[in-house]
Amino acid sequence: MTMAGRIAIMNRGKFVQIGEPEEIYEHPTTRYSAEFIGSVNVFEGLVQERLEDGLVLKSPGLVHPLKVDPDASVVDNVPVWVALRPEKIMLCDEPPADGYNFAVGEVIHIAYLGDLSIYHVRLQSGQMLSAQLQNEHRHRKGAPTWGDEVRLCWDADSCVVLTV
């Protein structure tokens, strides 16, 4: 991505997205684009409620509902995919007050990469989630390790609704 000012992503001989690297990474338009450029967690979802500050989606892979951008192009009763990059996920001590964008799971594996670690977490539903966390506190007492239960949360604007 650092070698080009624009990228074209093709799937089965057709262009699915053309744009600047940052645009494609941060705002993929399809599941294929999201998975082609970098690591990503993907959830299936259906609109449960429309609020002024966001759309609430129910996902079979999550116990708690997802809250996403209120401007997302979502049709009622039509499944969508929601992309969430691992670096957008945070460890949290308590669930968010509104109860959205929160998951609990068990650390199954940790890939130590020096300045950061990739945590592979099995959620209560069985779905796997990857979270990329800085190692500023990796070896301090109480830092999560294999087998630990962790609470993960993320901001609504970190979720990207994919149309295809």
N, C-alpha and C. Protein backbone atom coordinates (compact mmCIF):
# COMPACT_ATOMS: atom_id res chain seq x y z
N MET A 1 0.82 -1.19 0.00
CA MET A 1 0.00 0.00 0.00
C MET A 1 0.86 1.26 0.00
N THR A 2 2.11 1.15 0.45
CA THR A 2 2.96 2.34 0.51
C THR A 2 3.60 2.65 -0.83
N MET A 3 3.43 1.79 -1.81
CA MET A 3 4.09 2.00 -3.09
C MET A 3 3.18 2.64 -4.13
N ALA A 4 1.94 2.89 -3.81
CA ALA A 4 1.03 3.43 -4.80
C ALA A 4 0.16 4.53 -4.21
N GLY A 5 -0.16 5.51 -5.04
CA GLY A 5 -1.07 6.57 -4.63
C GLY A 5 -2.52 6.16 -4.76
N ARG A 6 -2.78 5.20 -5.65
CA ARG A 6 -4.12 4.66 -5.83
C ARG A 6 -4.02 3.16 -6.02
N ILE A 7 -5.05 2.47 -5.57
CA ILE A 7 -5.10 1.01 -5.66
C ILE A 7 -6.42 0.62 -6.32
N ALA A 8 -6.37 -0.41 -7.14
CA ALA A 8 -7.58 -0.99 -7.71
C ALA A 8 -7.65 -2.44 -7.24
N ILE A 9 -8.76 -2.81 -6.65
CA ILE A 9 -8.96 -4.18 -6.19
C ILE A 9 -9.94 -4.85 -7.13
N MET A 10 -9.51 -6.01 -7.63
CA MET A 10 -10.35 -6.78 -8.55
C MET A 10 -10.75 -8.09 -7.91
N ASN A 11 -11.96 -8.53 -8.22
CA ASN A 11 -12.46 -9.82 -7.79
C ASN A 11 -13.13 -10.47 -8.99
N ARG A 12 -12.61 -11.62 -9.41
CA ARG A 12 -13.14 -12.36 -10.55
C ARG A 12 -13.22 -11.50 -11.82
N GLY A 13 -12.16 -10.72 -12.03
CA GLY A 13 -12.05 -9.93 -13.25
C GLY A 13 -12.81 -8.62 -13.25
N LYS A 14 -13.42 -8.24 -12.12
CA LYS A 14 -14.16 -6.98 -12.04
C LYS A 14 -13.59 -6.12 -10.92
N PHE A 15 -13.53 -4.80 -11.18
CA PHE A 15 -13.08 -3.88 -10.15
C PHE A 15 -14.15 -3.78 -9.06
N VAL A 16 -13.74 -3.98 -7.82
CA VAL A 16 -14.70 -3.86 -6.71
C VAL A 16 -14.48 -2.58 -5.92
N GLN A 17 -13.26 -2.02 -5.99
CA GLN A 17 -12.99 -0.76 -5.32
C GLN A 17 -11.71 -0.15 -5.87
N ILE A 18 -11.76 1.15 -6.12
CA ILE A 18 -10.60 1.91 -6.58
C ILE A 18 -10.48 3.11 -5.66
N GLY A 19 -9.27 3.37 -5.16
CA GLY A 19 -9.09 4.53 -4.30
C GLY A 19 -7.70 4.60 -3.73
N GLU A 20 -7.49 5.59 -2.87
CA GLU A 20 -6.21 5.74 -2.18
C GLU A 20 -6.09 4.64 -1.13
N PRO A 21 -4.86 4.22 -0.83
CA PRO A 21 -4.67 3.13 0.14
C PRO A 21 -5.40 3.36 1.47
N GLU A 22 -5.30 4.56 2.02
CA GLU A 22 -5.95 4.84 3.31
C GLU A 22 -7.47 4.70 3.20
N GLU A 23 -8.03 5.19 2.10
CA GLU A 23 -9.48 5.10 1.89
C GLU A 23 -9.94 3.64 1.83
N ILE A 24 -9.20 2.82 1.08
CA ILE A 24 -9.59 1.42 0.93
C ILE A 24 -9.42 0.67 2.25
N TYR A 25 -8.36 0.97 2.99
CA TYR A 25 -8.13 0.29 4.27
C TYR A 25 -9.18 0.71 5.32
N GLU A 26 -9.40 2.01 5.45
CA GLU A 26 -10.29 2.52 6.49
C GLU A 26 -11.77 2.43 6.12
N HIS A 27 -12.08 2.47 4.82
CA HIS A 27 -13.48 2.48 4.38
C HIS A 27 -13.70 1.53 3.21
N PRO A 28 -13.46 0.24 3.42
CA PRO A 28 -13.73 -0.70 2.33
C PRO A 28 -15.23 -0.70 2.02
N THR A 29 -15.55 -0.98 0.77
CA THR A 29 -16.97 -0.99 0.39
C THR A 29 -17.55 -2.40 0.34
N THR A 30 -16.68 -3.40 0.23
CA THR A 30 -17.15 -4.78 0.16
C THR A 30 -16.36 -5.64 1.14
N ARG A 31 -16.91 -6.78 1.47
CA ARG A 31 -16.20 -7.71 2.35
C ARG A 31 -14.90 -8.16 1.68
N TYR A 32 -14.93 -8.36 0.38
CA TYR A 32 -13.73 -8.79 -0.34
C TYR A 32 -12.61 -7.75 -0.19
N SER A 33 -12.93 -6.47 -0.37
CA SER A 33 -11.93 -5.41 -0.21
C SER A 33 -11.39 -5.37 1.22
N ALA A 34 -12.29 -5.48 2.19
CA ALA A 34 -11.88 -5.43 3.60
C ALA A 34 -10.90 -6.55 3.93
N GLU A 35 -11.18 -7.76 3.44
CA GLU A 35 -10.33 -8.91 3.75
C GLU A 35 -9.07 -8.94 2.89
N PHE A 36 -9.11 -8.31 1.73
CA PHE A 36 -7.95 -8.29 0.83
C PHE A 36 -6.84 -7.40 1.38
N ILE A 37 -7.23 -6.28 1.98
CA ILE A 37 -6.25 -5.31 2.50
C ILE A 37 -6.20 -5.41 4.02
N GLY A 38 -5.26 -6.14 4.56
CA GLY A 38 -5.05 -6.20 6.00
C GLY A 38 -5.97 -7.15 6.74
N SER A 39 -5.72 -7.28 8.03
CA SER A 39 -6.53 -8.14 8.90
C SER A 39 -7.83 -7.42 9.25
N VAL A 40 -8.88 -8.20 9.40
CA VAL A 40 -10.17 -7.60 9.73
C VAL A 40 -11.05 -8.64 10.42
N ASN A 41 -11.86 -8.18 11.35
CA ASN A 41 -12.91 -8.99 11.96
C ASN A 41 -14.19 -8.65 11.22
N VAL A 42 -14.98 -9.65 10.89
CA VAL A 42 -16.22 -9.41 10.14
C VAL A 42 -17.38 -10.06 10.89
N PHE A 43 -18.44 -9.27 11.06
CA PHE A 43 -19.65 -9.75 11.71
C PHE A 43 -20.83 -9.60 10.75
N GLU A 44 -21.72 -10.56 10.77
CA GLU A 44 -22.98 -10.43 10.04
C GLU A 44 -23.94 -9.67 10.94
N GLY A 45 -24.82 -8.87 10.36
CA GLY A 45 -25.76 -8.13 11.19
C GLY A 45 -27.05 -7.78 10.48
N LEU A 46 -28.08 -7.52 11.27
CA LEU A 46 -29.37 -7.03 10.79
C LEU A 46 -29.76 -5.82 11.63
N VAL A 47 -30.40 -4.83 11.00
CA VAL A 47 -30.84 -3.64 11.73
C VAL A 47 -31.87 -4.04 12.78
N GLN A 48 -31.61 -3.61 14.01
CA GLN A 48 -32.52 -3.88 15.11
C GLN A 48 -33.27 -2.60 15.50
N GLU A 49 -32.55 -1.45 15.36
CA GLU A 49 -33.14 -0.18 15.77
C GLU A 49 -32.38 0.96 15.08
N ARG A 50 -33.10 2.03 14.77
CA ARG A 50 -32.49 3.22 14.18
C ARG A 50 -32.55 4.35 15.22
N LEU A 51 -31.39 4.84 15.63
CA LEU A 51 -31.29 5.93 16.59
C LEU A 51 -30.71 7.15 15.89
N GLU A 52 -30.83 8.32 16.51
CA GLU A 52 -30.25 9.53 15.92
C GLU A 52 -28.74 9.42 15.78
N ASP A 53 -28.09 8.81 16.76
CA ASP A 53 -26.62 8.76 16.75
C ASP A 53 -26.05 7.45 16.23
N GLY A 54 -26.90 6.58 15.68
CA GLY A 54 -26.36 5.34 15.12
C GLY A 54 -27.42 4.30 14.83
N LEU A 55 -27.01 3.32 14.06
CA LEU A 55 -27.86 2.17 13.78
C LEU A 55 -27.46 1.05 14.72
N VAL A 56 -28.43 0.38 15.30
CA VAL A 56 -28.16 -0.75 16.19
C VAL A 56 -28.40 -2.02 15.38
N LEU A 57 -27.37 -2.87 15.33
CA LEU A 57 -27.45 -4.12 14.59
C LEU A 57 -27.34 -5.30 15.54
N LYS A 58 -28.09 -6.33 15.26
CA LYS A 58 -27.97 -7.59 16.00
C LYS A 58 -27.12 -8.52 15.17
N SER A 59 -26.10 -9.10 15.81
CA SER A 59 -25.20 -10.02 15.12
C SER A 59 -25.21 -11.36 15.82
N PRO A 60 -25.36 -12.46 15.07
CA PRO A 60 -25.35 -13.78 15.70
C PRO A 60 -24.01 -14.10 16.36
N GLY A 61 -22.93 -13.44 15.96
CA GLY A 61 -21.62 -13.70 16.53
C GLY A 61 -21.34 -12.94 17.81
N LEU A 62 -22.23 -12.02 18.17
CA LEU A 62 -22.02 -11.18 19.35
C LEU A 62 -23.20 -11.27 20.30
N VAL A 63 -22.93 -11.29 21.59
CA VAL A 63 -23.98 -11.29 22.60
C VAL A 63 -24.61 -9.90 22.68
N HIS A 64 -23.76 -8.87 22.64
CA HIS A 64 -24.22 -7.48 22.74
C HIS A 64 -24.39 -6.89 21.34
N PRO A 65 -25.35 -5.98 21.15
CA PRO A 65 -25.57 -5.41 19.82
C PRO A 65 -24.43 -4.49 19.37
N LEU A 66 -24.32 -4.34 18.06
CA LEU A 66 -23.37 -3.42 17.44
C LEU A 66 -24.06 -2.08 17.21
N LYS A 67 -23.34 -1.01 17.43
CA LYS A 67 -23.84 0.31 17.06
C LYS A 67 -22.89 0.85 16.01
N VAL A 68 -23.44 1.30 14.87
CA VAL A 68 -22.62 1.77 13.76
C VAL A 68 -23.09 3.16 13.33
N ASP A 69 -22.36 3.74 12.40
CA ASP A 69 -22.64 5.07 11.86
C ASP A 69 -24.11 5.19 11.43
N PRO A 70 -24.78 6.28 11.84
CA PRO A 70 -26.19 6.43 11.48
C PRO A 70 -26.41 6.63 9.98
N ASP A 71 -25.36 7.01 9.26
CA ASP A 71 -25.48 7.26 7.82
C ASP A 71 -25.20 6.02 6.97
N ALA A 72 -24.95 4.89 7.60
CA ALA A 72 -24.66 3.68 6.83
C ALA A 72 -25.86 3.30 5.98
N SER A 73 -25.57 2.85 4.77
CA SER A 73 -26.63 2.43 3.84
C SER A 73 -27.07 1.02 4.19
N VAL A 74 -28.11 0.93 4.99
CA VAL A 74 -28.60 -0.36 5.46
C VAL A 74 -30.11 -0.42 5.22
N VAL A 75 -30.55 -1.53 4.67
CA VAL A 75 -31.98 -1.74 4.43
C VAL A 75 -32.48 -2.71 5.49
N ASP A 76 -33.64 -2.41 6.05
CA ASP A 76 -34.22 -3.30 7.06
C ASP A 76 -34.41 -4.70 6.50
N ASN A 77 -34.16 -5.69 7.35
CA ASN A 77 -34.32 -7.12 7.04
C ASN A 77 -33.41 -7.64 5.93
N VAL A 78 -32.36 -6.89 5.61
CA VAL A 78 -31.37 -7.35 4.64
C VAL A 78 -30.04 -7.48 5.39
N PRO A 79 -29.46 -8.67 5.46
CA PRO A 79 -28.20 -8.85 6.18
C PRO A 79 -27.08 -8.01 5.58
N VAL A 80 -26.22 -7.51 6.45
CA VAL A 80 -25.02 -6.77 6.04
C VAL A 80 -23.83 -7.36 6.76
N TRP A 81 -22.65 -7.00 6.31
CA TRP A 81 -21.41 -7.35 6.99
C TRP A 81 -20.86 -6.10 7.63
N VAL A 82 -20.28 -6.25 8.80
CA VAL A 82 -19.64 -5.13 9.49
C VAL A 82 -18.18 -5.50 9.68
N ALA A 83 -17.29 -4.61 9.20
CA ALA A 83 -15.85 -4.83 9.32
C ALA A 83 -15.31 -4.03 10.50
N LEU A 84 -14.41 -4.65 11.25
CA LEU A 84 -13.78 -4.02 12.40
C LEU A 84 -12.31 -4.43 12.42
N ARG A 85 -11.42 -3.47 12.20
CA ARG A 85 -9.99 -3.75 12.17
C ARG A 85 -9.48 -4.06 13.59
N PRO A 86 -8.53 -5.00 13.71
CA PRO A 86 -8.02 -5.39 15.03
C PRO A 86 -7.45 -4.24 15.86
N GLU A 87 -6.85 -3.25 15.20
CA GLU A 87 -6.24 -2.13 15.95
C GLU A 87 -7.28 -1.15 16.49
N LYS A 88 -8.54 -1.31 16.12
CA LYS A 88 -9.61 -0.43 16.60
C LYS A 88 -10.23 -0.95 17.90
N ILE A 89 -9.80 -2.13 18.33
CA ILE A 89 -10.37 -2.77 19.52
C ILE A 89 -9.53 -2.44 20.75
N MET A 90 -10.19 -2.18 21.87
CA MET A 90 -9.51 -1.84 23.12
C MET A 90 -9.90 -2.84 24.22
N LEU A 91 -9.01 -3.02 25.18
CA LEU A 91 -9.37 -3.75 26.39
C LEU A 91 -10.15 -2.79 27.27
N CYS A 92 -11.22 -3.25 27.89
CA CYS A 92 -11.96 -2.38 28.79
C CYS A 92 -12.30 -3.13 30.07
N ASP A 93 -12.35 -2.40 31.15
CA ASP A 93 -12.63 -3.00 32.45
C ASP A 93 -14.12 -3.30 32.63
N GLU A 94 -14.94 -2.41 32.13
CA GLU A 94 -16.39 -2.53 32.28
C GLU A 94 -17.07 -2.37 30.93
N PRO A 95 -18.26 -2.90 30.78
CA PRO A 95 -19.00 -2.69 29.53
C PRO A 95 -19.30 -1.20 29.35
N PRO A 96 -19.38 -0.72 28.12
CA PRO A 96 -19.78 0.67 27.90
C PRO A 96 -21.16 0.91 28.51
N ALA A 97 -21.40 2.13 28.94
CA ALA A 97 -22.67 2.47 29.60
C ALA A 97 -23.88 2.18 28.72
N ASP A 98 -23.73 2.37 27.39
CA ASP A 98 -24.87 2.14 26.51
C ASP A 98 -25.05 0.66 26.13
N GLY A 99 -24.07 -0.19 26.46
CA GLY A 99 -24.18 -1.63 26.21
C GLY A 99 -23.88 -2.08 24.80
N TYR A 100 -23.41 -1.17 23.94
CA TYR A 100 -23.10 -1.50 22.56
C TYR A 100 -21.60 -1.73 22.37
N ASN A 101 -21.26 -2.43 21.29
CA ASN A 101 -19.87 -2.60 20.85
C ASN A 101 -18.97 -3.12 21.96
N PHE A 102 -19.35 -4.27 22.45
CA PHE A 102 -18.69 -4.87 23.61
C PHE A 102 -18.74 -6.38 23.46
N ALA A 103 -17.64 -7.04 23.79
CA ALA A 103 -17.61 -8.50 23.72
C ALA A 103 -16.74 -9.05 24.85
N VAL A 104 -17.07 -10.25 25.29
CA VAL A 104 -16.29 -10.94 26.31
C VAL A 104 -15.83 -12.26 25.69
N GLY A 105 -14.58 -12.59 25.95
CA GLY A 105 -14.06 -13.84 25.41
C GLY A 105 -12.81 -14.30 26.12
N GLU A 106 -12.29 -15.43 25.66
CA GLU A 106 -11.10 -16.04 26.25
C GLU A 106 -9.92 -15.89 25.29
N VAL A 107 -8.78 -15.47 25.83
CA VAL A 107 -7.57 -15.36 25.03
C VAL A 107 -7.11 -16.77 24.67
N ILE A 108 -7.09 -17.08 23.38
CA ILE A 108 -6.70 -18.39 22.88
C ILE A 108 -5.24 -18.40 22.47
N HIS A 109 -4.79 -17.28 21.91
CA HIS A 109 -3.41 -17.19 21.42
C HIS A 109 -2.98 -15.73 21.44
N ILE A 110 -1.69 -15.51 21.67
CA ILE A 110 -1.11 -14.17 21.60
C ILE A 110 0.09 -14.24 20.67
N ALA A 111 0.08 -13.42 19.63
CA ALA A 111 1.23 -13.32 18.72
C ALA A 111 2.00 -12.07 19.13
N TYR A 112 3.16 -12.27 19.74
CA TYR A 112 4.00 -11.16 20.21
C TYR A 112 4.83 -10.65 19.04
N LEU A 113 4.70 -9.37 18.70
CA LEU A 113 5.40 -8.78 17.56
C LEU A 113 6.34 -7.65 17.96
N GLY A 114 6.76 -7.62 19.21
CA GLY A 114 7.66 -6.57 19.68
C GLY A 114 6.87 -5.40 20.24
N ASP A 115 6.58 -4.42 19.39
CA ASP A 115 5.87 -3.24 19.86
C ASP A 115 4.37 -3.46 20.06
N LEU A 116 3.85 -4.54 19.52
CA LEU A 116 2.44 -4.85 19.69
C LEU A 116 2.24 -6.36 19.73
N SER A 117 1.07 -6.74 20.18
CA SER A 117 0.68 -8.16 20.19
C SER A 117 -0.70 -8.28 19.56
N ILE A 118 -0.90 -9.40 18.87
CA ILE A 118 -2.21 -9.72 18.32
C ILE A 118 -2.84 -10.76 19.24
N TYR A 119 -3.96 -10.40 19.84
CA TYR A 119 -4.69 -11.31 20.72
C TYR A 119 -5.79 -11.98 19.90
N HIS A 120 -5.82 -13.30 19.93
CA HIS A 120 -6.89 -14.06 19.28
C HIS A 120 -7.82 -14.50 20.41
N VAL A 121 -9.05 -14.02 20.34
CA VAL A 121 -10.01 -14.19 21.42
C VAL A 121 -11.23 -14.96 20.91
N ARG A 122 -11.60 -16.02 21.63
CA ARG A 122 -12.82 -16.75 21.31
C ARG A 122 -13.95 -16.13 22.12
N LEU A 123 -14.94 -15.59 21.42
CA LEU A 123 -16.06 -14.94 22.08
C LEU A 123 -17.01 -15.97 22.66
N GLN A 124 -17.94 -15.52 23.48
CA GLN A 124 -18.92 -16.40 24.11
C GLN A 124 -19.73 -17.18 23.07
N SER A 125 -19.92 -16.60 21.89
CA SER A 125 -20.68 -17.25 20.82
C SER A 125 -19.85 -18.29 20.08
N GLY A 126 -18.54 -18.31 20.32
CA GLY A 126 -17.65 -19.21 19.59
C GLY A 126 -16.90 -18.52 18.47
N GLN A 127 -17.37 -17.34 18.05
CA GLN A 127 -16.69 -16.59 16.99
C GLN A 127 -15.33 -16.11 17.49
N MET A 128 -14.35 -16.14 16.60
CA MET A 128 -13.01 -15.65 16.92
C MET A 128 -12.91 -14.17 16.55
N LEU A 129 -12.16 -13.43 17.37
CA LEU A 129 -11.94 -12.00 17.14
C LEU A 129 -10.46 -11.74 17.35
N SER A 130 -9.87 -10.92 16.50
CA SER A 130 -8.46 -10.52 16.66
C SER A 130 -8.42 -9.09 17.14
N ALA A 131 -7.58 -8.83 18.15
CA ALA A 131 -7.40 -7.48 18.68
C ALA A 131 -5.91 -7.18 18.71
N GLN A 132 -5.52 -6.06 18.15
CA GLN A 132 -4.11 -5.65 18.11
C GLN A 132 -3.89 -4.61 19.20
N LEU A 133 -3.02 -4.93 20.15
CA LEU A 133 -2.80 -4.04 21.28
C LEU A 133 -1.33 -3.71 21.43
N GLN A 134 -1.05 -2.45 21.76
CA GLN A 134 0.33 -2.02 21.99
C GLN A 134 0.89 -2.74 23.21
N ASN A 135 2.19 -2.97 23.20
CA ASN A 135 2.84 -3.71 24.29
C ASN A 135 3.41 -2.82 25.37
N GLU A 136 2.88 -1.62 25.52
CA GLU A 136 3.40 -0.74 26.55
C GLU A 136 3.25 -1.34 27.95
N HIS A 137 2.28 -2.22 28.13
CA HIS A 137 2.06 -2.83 29.44
C HIS A 137 1.99 -4.34 29.36
N ARG A 138 2.55 -4.94 28.33
CA ARG A 138 2.41 -6.37 28.08
C ARG A 138 2.84 -7.24 29.25
N HIS A 139 3.91 -6.91 29.91
CA HIS A 139 4.42 -7.79 30.97
C HIS A 139 4.16 -7.26 32.38
N ARG A 140 3.30 -6.27 32.51
CA ARG A 140 2.97 -5.79 33.85
C ARG A 140 2.01 -6.78 34.50
N LYS A 141 1.99 -6.76 35.81
CA LYS A 141 1.10 -7.65 36.55
C LYS A 141 -0.35 -7.34 36.16
N GLY A 142 -1.09 -8.39 35.87
CA GLY A 142 -2.49 -8.22 35.51
C GLY A 142 -2.74 -8.10 34.02
N ALA A 143 -1.69 -8.04 33.20
CA ALA A 143 -1.88 -7.98 31.75
C ALA A 143 -2.48 -9.30 31.28
N PRO A 144 -3.40 -9.27 30.32
CA PRO A 144 -4.04 -10.51 29.88
C PRO A 144 -3.05 -11.47 29.24
N THR A 145 -3.28 -12.75 29.47
CA THR A 145 -2.44 -13.78 28.87
C THR A 145 -3.33 -14.95 28.46
N TRP A 146 -2.72 -16.01 27.95
CA TRP A 146 -3.47 -17.17 27.46
C TRP A 146 -4.44 -17.68 28.51
N GLY A 147 -5.67 -17.97 28.08
CA GLY A 147 -6.68 -18.52 28.97
C GLY A 147 -7.46 -17.50 29.77
N ASP A 148 -7.01 -16.25 29.78
CA ASP A 148 -7.71 -15.22 30.54
C ASP A 148 -9.00 -14.79 29.85
N GLU A 149 -9.98 -14.42 30.66
CA GLU A 149 -11.18 -13.79 30.12
C GLU A 149 -10.87 -12.31 29.94
N VAL A 150 -11.23 -11.78 28.78
CA VAL A 150 -11.00 -10.35 28.51
C VAL A 150 -12.30 -9.71 28.05
N ARG A 151 -12.39 -8.43 28.29
CA ARG A 151 -13.51 -7.62 27.83
C ARG A 151 -12.97 -6.69 26.75
N LEU A 152 -13.62 -6.70 25.61
CA LEU A 152 -13.18 -5.90 24.47
C LEU A 152 -14.27 -4.90 24.10
N CYS A 153 -13.87 -3.70 23.72
CA CYS A 153 -14.84 -2.71 23.28
C CYS A 153 -14.25 -1.90 22.13
N TRP A 154 -15.11 -1.21 21.41
CA TRP A 154 -14.68 -0.41 20.27
C TRP A 154 -15.72 0.68 20.03
N ASP A 155 -15.29 1.72 19.34
CA ASP A 155 -16.16 2.85 19.04
C ASP A 155 -17.05 2.54 17.84
N ALA A 156 -18.23 3.16 17.82
CA ALA A 156 -19.16 2.96 16.71
C ALA A 156 -18.54 3.38 15.38
N ASP A 157 -17.75 4.45 15.39
CA ASP A 157 -17.16 4.91 14.12
C ASP A 157 -16.00 4.03 13.66
N SER A 158 -15.63 3.03 14.43
CA SER A 158 -14.61 2.06 14.01
C SER A 158 -15.22 0.95 13.15
N CYS A 159 -16.53 0.83 13.18
CA CYS A 159 -17.23 -0.20 12.41
C CYS A 159 -17.55 0.33 11.01
N VAL A 160 -17.28 -0.49 10.01
CA VAL A 160 -17.60 -0.12 8.63
C VAL A 160 -18.63 -1.11 8.10
N VAL A 161 -19.77 -0.59 7.69
CA VAL A 161 -20.83 -1.44 7.14
C VAL A 161 -20.51 -1.71 5.68
N LEU A 162 -20.49 -2.98 5.33
CA LEU A 162 -20.17 -3.41 3.97
C LEU A 162 -21.46 -3.82 3.28
N THR A 163 -21.61 -3.40 2.05
CA THR A 163 -22.86 -3.65 1.34
C THR A 163 -22.91 -5.00 0.66
N VAL A 164 -21.77 -5.58 0.37
CA VAL A 164 -21.74 -6.87 -0.34
C VAL A 164 -20.85 -7.83 0.41
